[in-house]
Amino acid sequence: MLKTSDLRAMNEDELVEKVAQLKKDLMQYRFQSKTGKLETKSTIKAVRKDIARLLTIINEKKENLEVKP
């Protein structure tokens, strides 16, 4: 699980790269789940929450850039 304070310190490019990596991981976990090789299904839920957290922070950063004159 990623810490929000650590994510806020990253720039937008790093966050987008992290989202892409987590989406690849999520695909692999789903495949492992279907083949029965995934030990804990809670990892899928945790990765989905991490992706949502990252996307929220990216959107917040975009909004802050638009508001400032």
Protein backbone atom coordinates (compact mmCIF):
# COMPACT_ATOMS: atom_id res chain seq x y z
CA MET A 1 0.00 0.00 0.00
CA LEU A 2 1.33 3.37 -1.01
CA LYS A 3 1.48 6.29 1.42
CA THR A 4 -0.33 9.42 0.32
CA SER A 5 2.38 11.70 1.68
CA ASP A 6 5.00 9.94 -0.45
CA LEU A 7 2.81 10.17 -3.53
CA ARG A 8 2.18 13.89 -3.10
CA ALA A 9 5.94 14.46 -3.14
CA MET A 10 6.24 12.87 -6.60
CA ASN A 11 5.83 14.90 -9.79
CA GLU A 12 3.04 14.23 -12.27
CA ASP A 13 5.17 12.23 -14.72
CA GLU A 14 6.28 9.84 -11.97
CA LEU A 15 2.69 9.39 -10.85
CA VAL A 16 1.51 8.57 -14.38
CA GLU A 17 4.36 6.08 -14.75
CA LYS A 18 3.40 4.49 -11.42
CA VAL A 19 -0.24 4.16 -12.55
CA ALA A 20 0.85 2.41 -15.73
CA GLN A 21 3.01 -0.02 -13.76
CA LEU A 22 0.19 -0.77 -11.30
CA LYS A 23 -2.24 -1.40 -14.15
CA LYS A 24 0.18 -3.96 -15.59
CA ASP A 25 0.50 -5.57 -12.16
CA LEU A 26 -3.28 -5.65 -11.80
CA MET A 27 -3.61 -7.44 -15.14
CA GLN A 28 -1.07 -10.03 -14.00
CA TYR A 29 -2.86 -10.52 -10.67
CA ARG A 30 -6.19 -11.00 -12.43
CA PHE A 31 -4.63 -13.59 -14.72
CA GLN A 32 -3.07 -15.37 -11.74
CA SER A 33 -6.43 -15.30 -9.98
CA LYS A 34 -8.18 -16.96 -12.90
CA THR A 35 -5.52 -19.65 -13.17
CA GLY A 36 -5.59 -20.28 -9.42
CA LYS A 37 -1.99 -19.20 -8.76
CA LEU A 38 -2.77 -16.05 -6.77
CA GLU A 39 -2.43 -16.75 -3.05
CA THR A 40 -4.33 -13.76 -1.67
CA LYS A 41 -7.12 -12.12 -3.59
CA SER A 42 -6.85 -9.04 -1.39
CA THR A 43 -3.85 -7.92 -3.44
CA ILE A 44 -6.19 -7.14 -6.34
CA LYS A 45 -8.29 -4.90 -4.12
CA ALA A 46 -5.19 -3.16 -2.71
CA VAL A 47 -3.79 -2.47 -6.18
CA ARG A 48 -7.12 -1.07 -7.36
CA LYS A 49 -7.20 1.27 -4.37
CA ASP A 50 -3.61 2.36 -5.04
CA ILE A 51 -4.52 3.18 -8.65
CA ALA A 52 -7.52 5.20 -7.49
CA ARG A 53 -5.36 7.02 -4.95
CA LEU A 54 -2.80 7.89 -7.62
CA LEU A 55 -5.44 9.11 -10.07
CA THR A 56 -6.98 11.29 -7.36
CA ILE A 57 -3.63 12.92 -6.60
CA ILE A 58 -2.95 13.47 -10.31
CA ASN A 59 -6.33 15.19 -10.69
CA GLU A 60 -5.69 17.34 -7.62
CA LYS A 61 -2.37 18.46 -9.04
CA LYS A 62 -4.01 19.33 -12.37
CA GLU A 63 -6.72 21.35 -10.61
CA ASN A 64 -4.13 23.26 -8.60
CA LEU A 65 -2.28 24.19 -11.79
CA GLU A 66 -5.49 25.42 -13.44
CA VAL A 67 -6.60 27.53 -10.45
CA LYS A 68 -3.33 29.44 -10.09
CA PRO A 69 -3.19 32.48 -12.40
